[in-house]
C-alpha atoms as a PDB file:
ATOM      1  CA  MET A   1      40.169 -18.176 -58.048  1.00  0.00           C
ATOM      2  CA  SER A   2      38.981 -17.238 -54.546  1.00  0.00           C
ATOM      3  CA  SER A   3      36.196 -19.040 -52.723  1.00  0.00           C
ATOM      4  CA  ALA A   4      32.699 -17.608 -52.450  1.00  0.00           C
ATOM      5  CA  SER A   5      33.258 -16.751 -48.771  1.00  0.00           C
ATOM      6  CA  ASP A   6      36.088 -14.394 -49.782  1.00  0.00           C
ATOM      7  CA  ARG A   7      33.783 -12.391 -52.066  1.00  0.00           C
ATOM      8  CA  GLY A   8      31.638 -10.664 -49.500  1.00  0.00           C
ATOM      9  CA  ARG A   9      30.465 -10.879 -45.938  1.00  0.00           C
ATOM     10  CA  THR A  10      27.325 -11.886 -44.121  1.00  0.00           C
ATOM     11  CA  VAL A  11      26.031  -9.748 -41.270  1.00  0.00           C
ATOM     12  CA  LEU A  12      23.493 -11.129 -38.834  1.00  0.00           C
ATOM     13  CA  ALA A  13      21.123  -8.825 -36.962  1.00  0.00           C
ATOM     14  CA  VAL A  14      20.947  -9.259 -33.210  1.00  0.00           C
ATOM     15  CA  GLY A  15      17.248 -10.162 -33.543  1.00  0.00           C
ATOM     16  CA  VAL A  16      18.112 -13.164 -35.696  1.00  0.00           C
ATOM     17  CA  VAL A  17      20.276 -14.689 -32.965  1.00  0.00           C
ATOM     18  CA  GLU A  18      17.681 -13.795 -30.297  1.00  0.00           C
ATOM     19  CA  LYS A  19      14.867 -15.519 -32.213  1.00  0.00           C
ATOM     20  CA  ILE A  20      16.927 -18.652 -32.820  1.00  0.00           C
ATOM     21  CA  ALA A  21      17.888 -18.779 -29.129  1.00  0.00           C
ATOM     22  CA  GLY A  22      14.264 -18.225 -28.092  1.00  0.00           C
ATOM     23  CA  MET A  23      12.973 -21.050 -30.248  1.00  0.00           C
ATOM     24  CA  ALA A  24      15.748 -23.362 -29.027  1.00  0.00           C
ATOM     25  CA  ALA A  25      14.970 -22.561 -25.376  1.00  0.00           C
ATOM     26  CA  ARG A  26      11.238 -23.174 -25.834  1.00  0.00           C
ATOM     27  CA  GLU A  27      11.968 -26.676 -27.170  1.00  0.00           C
ATOM     28  CA  VAL A  28      13.198 -27.761 -23.710  1.00  0.00           C
ATOM     29  CA  PRO A  29      10.454 -29.277 -21.508  1.00  0.00           C
ATOM     30  CA  GLY A  30      10.035 -27.466 -18.182  1.00  0.00           C
ATOM     31  CA  ILE A  31      10.224 -23.932 -19.555  1.00  0.00           C
ATOM     32  CA  HIS A  32       7.031 -22.033 -18.783  1.00  0.00           C
ATOM     33  CA  ALA A  33       7.950 -18.686 -20.354  1.00  0.00           C
ATOM     34  CA  LEU A  34      10.827 -16.456 -21.368  1.00  0.00           C
ATOM     35  CA  GLY A  35      11.445 -13.059 -19.772  1.00  0.00           C
ATOM     36  CA  SER A  36      10.536 -11.442 -16.484  1.00  0.00           C
ATOM     37  CA  GLY A  37       6.923 -10.928 -15.462  1.00  0.00           C
ATOM     38  CA  LEU A  38       7.005  -7.279 -16.530  1.00  0.00           C
ATOM     39  CA  ALA A  39       8.582  -8.099 -19.890  1.00  0.00           C
ATOM     40  CA  ARG A  40       5.940 -10.776 -20.505  1.00  0.00           C
ATOM     41  CA  THR A  41       3.122  -8.344 -19.642  1.00  0.00           C
ATOM     42  CA  PHE A  42       4.420  -5.657 -21.984  1.00  0.00           C
ATOM     43  CA  GLY A  43       5.172  -8.299 -24.609  1.00  0.00           C
ATOM     44  CA  ALA A  44       1.620  -9.641 -24.474  1.00  0.00           C
ATOM     45  CA  MET A  45       0.286  -6.139 -25.098  1.00  0.00           C
ATOM     46  CA  ARG A  46       2.826  -5.556 -27.893  1.00  0.00           C
ATOM     47  CA  ASP A  47       1.823  -8.868 -29.533  1.00  0.00           C
ATOM     48  CA  ARG A  48      -1.735  -7.560 -29.923  1.00  0.00           C
ATOM     49  CA  VAL A  49      -0.608  -4.448 -31.825  1.00  0.00           C
ATOM     50  CA  PRO A  50      -0.499  -4.974 -35.601  1.00  0.00           C
ATOM     51  CA  GLY A  51       3.121  -4.853 -36.738  1.00  0.00           C
ATOM     52  CA  GLY A  52       4.374  -5.291 -33.163  1.00  0.00           C
ATOM     53  CA  LYS A  53       7.631  -7.103 -32.451  1.00  0.00           C
ATOM     54  CA  SER A  54       7.426 -10.895 -32.247  1.00  0.00           C
ATOM     55  CA  SER A  55       7.526 -12.491 -28.800  1.00  0.00           C
ATOM     56  CA  VAL A  56       9.931 -15.234 -29.890  1.00  0.00           C
ATOM     57  CA  GLY A  57      12.981 -13.248 -28.765  1.00  0.00           C
ATOM     58  CA  ARG A  58      11.387 -11.930 -25.570  1.00  0.00           C
ATOM     59  CA  GLY A  59      13.614 -12.387 -22.520  1.00  0.00           C
ATOM     60  CA  ILE A  60      16.751 -12.772 -24.623  1.00  0.00           C
ATOM     61  CA  LYS A  61      19.602 -10.348 -25.191  1.00  0.00           C
ATOM     62  CA  ALA A  62      22.406 -11.173 -27.588  1.00  0.00           C
ATOM     63  CA  GLU A  63      25.666  -9.509 -28.477  1.00  0.00           C
ATOM     64  CA  VAL A  64      26.762 -10.377 -31.989  1.00  0.00           C
ATOM     65  CA  GLY A  65      30.241  -9.920 -33.404  1.00  0.00           C
ATOM     66  CA  GLU A  66      31.683 -11.014 -36.737  1.00  0.00           C
ATOM     67  CA  LYS A  67      32.532 -14.529 -35.543  1.00  0.00           C
ATOM     68  CA  GLN A  68      31.144 -14.878 -32.019  1.00  0.00           C
ATOM     69  CA  THR A  69      28.008 -14.252 -30.004  1.00  0.00           C
ATOM     70  CA  ALA A  70      27.088 -14.131 -26.315  1.00  0.00           C
ATOM     71  CA  ILE A  71      23.521 -14.654 -25.133  1.00  0.00           C
ATOM     72  CA  ASP A  72      21.657 -13.764 -21.930  1.00  0.00           C
ATOM     73  CA  ILE A  73      18.270 -15.373 -21.322  1.00  0.00           C
ATOM     74  CA  ALA A  74      15.652 -14.929 -18.597  1.00  0.00           C
ATOM     75  CA  LEU A  75      13.373 -17.887 -17.842  1.00  0.00           C
ATOM     76  CA  VAL A  76      10.301 -18.835 -15.873  1.00  0.00           C
ATOM     77  CA  VAL A  77      10.409 -22.553 -15.104  1.00  0.00           C
ATOM     78  CA  GLU A  78       7.663 -25.004 -14.229  1.00  0.00           C
ATOM     79  CA  TYR A  79       7.456 -26.084 -10.586  1.00  0.00           C
ATOM     80  CA  GLY A  80       9.222 -29.397  -9.950  1.00  0.00           C
ATOM     81  CA  VAL A  81      11.967 -29.201 -12.580  1.00  0.00           C
ATOM     82  CA  VAL A  82      15.585 -29.637 -11.545  1.00  0.00           C
ATOM     83  CA  ILE A  83      16.840 -26.160 -12.387  1.00  0.00           C
ATOM     84  CA  PRO A  84      20.578 -26.931 -12.885  1.00  0.00           C
ATOM     85  CA  LYS A  85      19.692 -29.803 -15.255  1.00  0.00           C
ATOM     86  CA  LEU A  86      17.141 -27.653 -17.102  1.00  0.00           C
ATOM     87  CA  ALA A  87      19.658 -24.795 -17.444  1.00  0.00           C
ATOM     88  CA  ALA A  88      22.249 -27.181 -18.894  1.00  0.00           C
ATOM     89  CA  GLN A  89      19.693 -28.489 -21.446  1.00  0.00           C
ATOM     90  CA  VAL A  90      18.650 -24.951 -22.424  1.00  0.00           C
ATOM     91  CA  ARG A  91      22.293 -23.893 -22.782  1.00  0.00           C
ATOM     92  CA  GLU A  92      23.143 -26.947 -24.945  1.00  0.00           C
ATOM     93  CA  ASN A  93      20.059 -26.455 -27.141  1.00  0.00           C
ATOM     94  CA  ILE A  94      20.755 -22.753 -27.686  1.00  0.00           C
ATOM     95  CA  ILE A  95      24.438 -23.324 -28.486  1.00  0.00           C
ATOM     96  CA  ALA A  96      23.656 -26.119 -30.957  1.00  0.00           C
ATOM     97  CA  ALA A  97      20.899 -24.175 -32.756  1.00  0.00           C
ATOM     98  CA  VAL A  98      22.708 -20.833 -32.959  1.00  0.00           C
ATOM     99  CA  GLU A  99      26.036 -22.350 -34.074  1.00  0.00           C
ATOM    100  CA  ARG A 100      24.363 -24.601 -36.649  1.00  0.00           C
ATOM    101  CA  MET A 101      22.144 -21.894 -38.139  1.00  0.00           C
ATOM    102  CA  THR A 102      24.481 -18.895 -38.022  1.00  0.00           C
ATOM    103  CA  GLY A 103      28.016 -20.279 -38.070  1.00  0.00           C
ATOM    104  CA  LEU A 104      28.839 -18.019 -35.109  1.00  0.00           C
ATOM    105  CA  GLU A 105      30.717 -19.409 -32.126  1.00  0.00           C
ATOM    106  CA  VAL A 106      28.590 -19.080 -28.971  1.00  0.00           C
ATOM    107  CA  VAL A 107      31.067 -18.032 -26.286  1.00  0.00           C
ATOM    108  CA  GLU A 108      28.547 -17.997 -23.436  1.00  0.00           C
ATOM    109  CA  VAL A 109      24.887 -18.461 -22.591  1.00  0.00           C
ATOM    110  CA  ASN A 110      23.976 -16.821 -19.268  1.00  0.00           C
ATOM    111  CA  ILE A 111      20.680 -17.986 -17.782  1.00  0.00           C
ATOM    112  CA  ALA A 112      18.656 -16.112 -15.162  1.00  0.00           C
ATOM    113  CA  VAL A 113      15.744 -18.031 -13.641  1.00  0.00           C
ATOM    114  CA  ASN A 114      13.370 -15.233 -12.608  1.00  0.00           C
ATOM    115  CA  ASP A 115      10.353 -17.197 -11.425  1.00  0.00           C
ATOM    116  CA  VAL A 116       8.777 -20.596 -10.880  1.00  0.00           C
ATOM    117  CA  HIS A 117       5.311 -21.170 -12.314  1.00  0.00           C
ATOM    118  CA  LEU A 118       3.121 -23.078  -9.863  1.00  0.00           C
ATOM    119  CA  PRO A 119       0.505 -25.534 -11.166  1.00  0.00           C
ATOM    120  CA  ASP A 120      -2.443 -23.535  -9.760  1.00  0.00           C
ATOM    121  CA  GLU A 121      -1.253 -20.116 -11.006  1.00  0.00           C
ATOM    122  CA  PRO A 122      -2.940 -18.670 -14.083  1.00  0.00           C
ATOM    123  CA  ASP A 123      -0.721 -17.484 -16.927  1.00  0.00           C
ATOM    124  CA  ASP A 124      -0.176 -13.712 -17.008  1.00  0.00           C
ATOM    125  CA  GLU A 125      -1.591 -13.538 -20.525  1.00  0.00           C
ATOM    126  CA  GLU A 126      -4.663 -15.598 -19.603  1.00  0.00           C
ATOM    127  CA  GLU A 127      -5.290 -13.266 -16.650  1.00  0.00           C
ATOM    128  CA  GLU A 128      -5.140 -10.211 -18.928  1.00  0.00           C
ATOM    129  CA  GLU A 129      -7.544 -11.739 -21.425  1.00  0.00           C
ATOM    130  CA  GLU A 130     -10.026 -12.682 -18.692  1.00  0.00           C
ATOM    131  CA  SER A 131      -9.962  -9.218 -17.112  1.00  0.00           C
ATOM    132  CA  ALA A 132     -10.271  -7.521 -20.500  1.00  0.00           C
ATOM    133  CA  SER A 133     -13.239  -9.631 -21.548  1.00  0.00           C
ATOM    134  CA  SER A 134     -15.027  -9.689 -18.161  1.00  0.00           C
ATOM    135  CA  GLY A 135     -16.198  -6.097 -18.548  1.00  0.00           C
ATOM    136  CA  GLN A 136     -17.770  -6.902 -21.907  1.00  0.00           C
ATOM    137  CA  ARG A 137     -19.540 -10.102 -20.929  1.00  0.00           C
ATOM    138  CA  ARG A 138     -23.286 -10.288 -21.352  1.00  0.00           C
ATOM    139  CA  ARG A 139     -25.330 -11.391 -18.399  1.00  0.00           C
ATOM    140  CA  LEU A 140     -27.082 -14.677 -18.860  1.00  0.00           C
ATOM    141  CA  GLN A 141     -30.650 -15.040 -17.702  1.00  0.00           C
END
């Protein structure tokens, strides 16, 4: 009698690995956002469209094979964090989560730090919401 794993195969969509990696990265303190500024802007607009793609995997690209995966992630970090230490924590968290949940071997996690969020900077999404609502505000008397 053969084992259950010999009686079929499991295929994981790239988006599954990207979402797991995105959630794992967000768990690390010091991460402000995932993706580049442009990707976050388009993602914020896409999030408002009914049926639009989830933002959980934004800023993450994965290649998925039958037994292995490689992940690229773009980050915006909070000002003051030690970037090499943060990158190591993000990498460890992603590897642990993806390997545990998918059974795939993570061969590499490449991290690109695209920006540093300063304490006095507004979030891109907050800025968009303010500018969108400012034209519709009633004047108070």
